[in-house]
Amino acid sequence: MRIREHLSYANVAATLALVGVIGGGGAYAASKIGSSDIRNGSIRSADLKNKKAVRGIDVKPNALGGRQIKERSLDLSSLVAVAGDEPVGCNPGPAFDACAEAALELERPAQLLAIATGGHRSEGGPSKAVCQVRVDGAPSALSAAPGEEASDNTSISATDGFARTIVTPQRVAAGRHLVSLACQELSGDARIENPTLAVLAVRGG
């Protein structure tokens, strides 16, 4: 009875108006909030709707680091290419012969890291050879020069090992490239056992 005594058209109208301001007015205000209305650093992850808040367009290029990225989720084929070759043996002649070679097809320019190893042995007397890593036929600055000066003391099971590692100083162009371990016989009958070539192309961003 007491509630009915205090109800009037004015009271009801005022109450409905207040609800409208709180409800509709709040939605209006939310739709009008801009960057200038938010204090820097005040928005937290808990305030964002999962999977529907920050997108790629919202992130500054190259702003994220390794701790923010799950590396296993990346497609490394767009960054790195690998090739290699491991023949059984090589009998180089007086001119340079490719004892091992690997081809790479690059979608974009890249630097190359090439690692070449092998073993030299002499056949029937002392011998000498020279081996170098070549990219598209162009030799690297340094070469390996395995060999024996006076006597034949190497065999197929006990070779004179050598290794060469190069990094191209500049990126090579996109397209097909041939990297090789090329060897030349300088004296005697030189053999290159188990030549191995591994090439890594880092394309980068």
Protein backbone atom coordinates (compact mmCIF):
# COMPACT_ATOMS: atom_id res chain seq x y z
CA MET A 1 0.00 0.00 0.00
CA ARG A 2 2.78 2.41 0.85
CA ILE A 3 4.55 1.74 -2.50
CA ARG A 4 1.39 2.50 -4.46
CA GLU A 5 0.94 5.70 -2.52
CA HIS A 6 4.31 6.98 -3.72
CA LEU A 7 3.98 5.82 -7.39
CA SER A 8 2.98 8.51 -9.82
CA TYR A 9 3.33 9.22 -13.48
CA ALA A 10 6.18 11.63 -12.75
CA ASN A 11 8.09 9.05 -10.71
CA VAL A 12 7.78 6.39 -13.39
CA ALA A 13 8.76 8.81 -16.15
CA ALA A 14 11.80 9.98 -14.22
CA THR A 15 12.90 6.39 -13.55
CA LEU A 16 12.60 5.42 -17.23
CA ALA A 17 14.55 8.51 -18.26
CA LEU A 18 17.36 7.62 -15.85
CA VAL A 19 17.56 4.05 -17.24
CA GLY A 20 17.71 5.44 -20.76
CA VAL A 21 20.58 7.74 -19.88
CA ILE A 22 22.56 4.98 -18.17
CA GLY A 23 21.93 2.36 -20.87
CA GLY A 24 21.74 4.24 -24.13
CA GLY A 25 24.05 7.01 -23.00
CA GLY A 26 26.70 4.50 -21.97
CA ALA A 27 26.61 2.82 -25.38
CA TYR A 28 26.81 6.22 -27.03
CA ALA A 29 29.84 7.16 -24.97
CA ALA A 30 31.59 3.84 -25.70
CA SER A 31 31.17 4.35 -29.44
CA LYS A 32 32.74 7.80 -29.19
CA ILE A 33 35.86 6.93 -27.13
CA GLY A 34 39.01 7.63 -29.08
CA SER A 35 42.77 7.37 -28.63
CA SER A 36 42.96 10.75 -26.92
CA ASP A 37 40.54 9.49 -24.24
CA ILE A 38 42.80 6.56 -23.20
CA ARG A 39 45.83 6.99 -20.97
CA ASN A 40 48.95 5.40 -22.49
CA GLY A 41 49.75 2.04 -20.93
CA SER A 42 46.36 1.71 -19.28
CA ILE A 43 44.96 -1.01 -21.60
CA ARG A 44 45.95 -4.55 -20.62
CA SER A 45 45.65 -7.92 -22.34
CA ALA A 46 42.66 -8.72 -20.14
CA ASP A 47 40.82 -5.76 -21.68
CA LEU A 48 41.12 -7.11 -25.23
CA LYS A 49 38.77 -9.68 -26.77
CA ASN A 50 40.71 -12.85 -27.52
CA LYS A 51 41.77 -13.32 -31.15
CA LYS A 52 39.76 -10.30 -32.32
CA ALA A 53 41.74 -7.35 -31.06
CA VAL A 54 45.27 -6.78 -32.39
CA ARG A 55 45.94 -7.65 -36.03
CA GLY A 56 48.96 -7.53 -38.28
CA ILE A 57 48.08 -4.04 -39.47
CA ASP A 58 48.22 -2.86 -35.85
CA VAL A 59 51.82 -4.04 -35.32
CA LYS A 60 54.79 -1.94 -36.37
CA PRO A 61 56.96 -3.82 -38.91
CA ASN A 62 59.92 -5.64 -37.27
CA ALA A 63 58.69 -4.56 -33.82
CA LEU A 64 58.23 -8.08 -32.43
CA GLY A 65 61.16 -10.19 -31.23
CA GLY A 66 61.87 -13.86 -30.65
CA ARG A 67 60.16 -13.90 -27.26
CA GLN A 68 56.87 -12.80 -28.84
CA ILE A 69 57.00 -15.31 -31.72
CA LYS A 70 56.76 -19.09 -31.63
CA GLU A 71 59.59 -19.99 -34.01
CA ARG A 72 58.22 -23.46 -34.77
CA SER A 73 55.16 -21.81 -36.29
CA LEU A 74 57.23 -19.98 -38.91
CA ASP A 75 57.70 -21.22 -42.48
CA LEU A 76 61.49 -21.28 -42.67
CA SER A 77 61.42 -22.23 -46.35
CA SER A 78 60.87 -18.54 -47.09
CA LEU A 79 64.06 -17.65 -45.20
CA VAL A 80 66.48 -20.54 -45.71
CA ALA A 81 67.37 -22.94 -48.53
CA VAL A 82 69.67 -25.95 -48.11
CA ALA A 83 71.46 -28.17 -50.63
CA GLY A 84 74.32 -30.64 -50.53
CA ASP A 85 76.27 -33.37 -52.28
CA GLU A 86 78.40 -36.29 -51.07
CA PRO A 87 79.83 -38.47 -53.86
CA VAL A 88 82.12 -41.40 -53.10
CA GLY A 89 85.29 -40.14 -54.70
CA CYS A 90 86.87 -37.97 -57.39
CA ASN A 91 89.87 -38.34 -59.69
CA PRO A 92 90.68 -34.78 -60.80
CA GLY A 93 92.68 -34.08 -63.92
CA PRO A 94 95.01 -31.26 -65.01
CA ALA A 95 92.01 -28.92 -65.25
CA PHE A 96 89.53 -28.15 -62.47
CA ASP A 97 86.86 -30.82 -62.10
CA ALA A 98 83.72 -30.57 -59.96
CA CYS A 99 84.17 -33.24 -57.29
CA ALA A 100 80.91 -32.24 -55.59
CA GLU A 101 78.21 -29.77 -56.55
CA ALA A 102 74.86 -28.56 -55.28
CA ALA A 103 72.21 -26.43 -56.99
CA LEU A 104 69.98 -23.90 -55.26
CA GLU A 105 66.86 -22.21 -56.62
CA LEU A 106 66.41 -18.87 -54.86
CA GLU A 107 63.16 -16.94 -54.85
CA ARG A 108 64.92 -13.80 -53.66
CA PRO A 109 68.53 -12.59 -53.21
CA ALA A 110 70.49 -14.39 -50.48
CA GLN A 111 73.91 -14.85 -48.96
CA LEU A 112 75.45 -18.29 -49.28
CA LEU A 113 77.36 -20.30 -46.68
CA ALA A 114 79.25 -23.22 -48.22
CA ILE A 115 81.23 -25.87 -46.31
CA ALA A 116 83.35 -28.34 -48.28
CA THR A 117 85.42 -31.22 -46.92
CA GLY A 118 87.32 -34.13 -48.39
CA GLY A 119 90.32 -36.38 -48.11
CA HIS A 120 93.35 -36.50 -50.40
CA ARG A 121 95.29 -39.64 -51.16
CA SER A 122 98.11 -40.44 -53.57
CA GLU A 123 98.07 -43.30 -56.03
CA GLY A 124 101.48 -44.94 -56.72
CA GLY A 125 103.63 -42.08 -55.45
CA PRO A 126 103.44 -38.56 -53.97
CA SER A 127 100.91 -36.21 -55.48
CA LYS A 128 99.47 -32.74 -55.03
CA ALA A 129 96.11 -31.13 -55.74
CA VAL A 130 94.30 -27.86 -55.19
CA CYS A 131 90.62 -27.58 -54.30
CA GLN A 132 88.39 -24.53 -54.11
CA VAL A 133 84.75 -23.71 -53.55
CA ARG A 134 83.11 -22.07 -56.56
CA VAL A 135 79.82 -20.21 -56.88
CA ASP A 136 78.51 -20.23 -60.46
CA GLY A 137 82.05 -21.02 -61.65
CA ALA A 138 83.73 -18.14 -59.81
CA PRO A 139 86.41 -19.37 -57.38
CA SER A 140 86.62 -18.25 -53.76
CA ALA A 141 89.57 -16.21 -52.56
CA LEU A 142 91.32 -19.08 -50.74
CA SER A 143 91.96 -22.65 -51.81
CA ALA A 144 92.96 -25.87 -50.06
CA ALA A 145 96.17 -27.50 -51.26
CA PRO A 146 96.30 -31.10 -50.03
CA GLY A 147 99.22 -33.27 -51.09
CA GLU A 148 102.45 -35.03 -50.25
CA GLU A 149 105.97 -33.71 -50.84
CA ALA A 150 108.23 -36.75 -50.84
CA SER A 151 106.49 -40.11 -50.40
CA ASP A 152 103.13 -41.80 -50.76
CA ASN A 153 101.88 -42.33 -47.20
CA THR A 154 98.13 -41.99 -47.72
CA SER A 155 95.55 -44.64 -48.51
CA ILE A 156 91.79 -44.87 -48.97
CA SER A 157 91.45 -45.52 -45.23
CA ALA A 158 94.00 -42.90 -44.08
CA THR A 159 93.66 -39.76 -46.16
CA ASP A 160 95.05 -36.25 -45.91
CA GLY A 161 91.91 -34.34 -44.93
CA PHE A 162 91.05 -30.77 -45.85
CA ALA A 163 88.14 -28.36 -45.46
CA ARG A 164 87.03 -25.02 -46.86
CA THR A 165 84.26 -22.68 -45.67
CA ILE A 166 83.10 -19.58 -47.50
CA VAL A 167 80.41 -16.95 -47.07
CA THR A 168 79.56 -14.81 -50.06
CA PRO A 169 80.32 -11.19 -49.12
CA GLN A 170 77.17 -10.01 -50.86
CA ARG A 171 73.81 -11.50 -51.67
CA VAL A 172 73.55 -13.43 -54.90
CA ALA A 173 70.61 -12.70 -57.16
CA ALA A 174 67.38 -14.66 -57.24
CA GLY A 175 67.37 -17.66 -59.56
CA ARG A 176 69.34 -20.89 -59.95
CA HIS A 177 72.90 -21.07 -58.61
CA LEU A 178 75.45 -23.87 -58.74
CA VAL A 179 77.98 -24.24 -55.92
CA SER A 180 80.82 -26.71 -56.39
CA LEU A 181 83.95 -28.13 -54.82
CA ALA A 182 86.35 -28.03 -57.77
CA CYS A 183 89.74 -29.79 -57.61
CA GLN A 184 92.76 -29.81 -59.90
CA GLU A 185 95.64 -32.27 -60.00
CA LEU A 186 99.00 -30.52 -59.79
CA SER A 187 101.41 -33.46 -59.70
CA GLY A 188 101.32 -37.26 -59.45
CA ASP A 189 98.01 -39.13 -59.34
CA ALA A 190 95.90 -37.33 -56.76
CA ARG A 191 92.55 -38.69 -55.61
CA ILE A 192 89.87 -36.88 -53.60
CA GLU A 193 88.04 -39.26 -51.28
CA ASN A 194 84.52 -38.62 -49.93
CA PRO A 195 84.18 -35.01 -51.05
CA THR A 196 81.28 -33.41 -49.19
CA LEU A 197 79.56 -30.12 -49.91
CA ALA A 198 76.84 -28.40 -47.87
CA VAL A 199 75.32 -25.06 -48.87
CA LEU A 200 72.99 -22.86 -46.85
CA ALA A 201 71.26 -19.83 -48.39
CA VAL A 202 69.94 -17.23 -45.94
CA ARG A 203 67.45 -15.03 -47.72
CA GLY A 204 66.53 -12.72 -44.85
CA GLY A 205 63.94 -9.97 -44.96
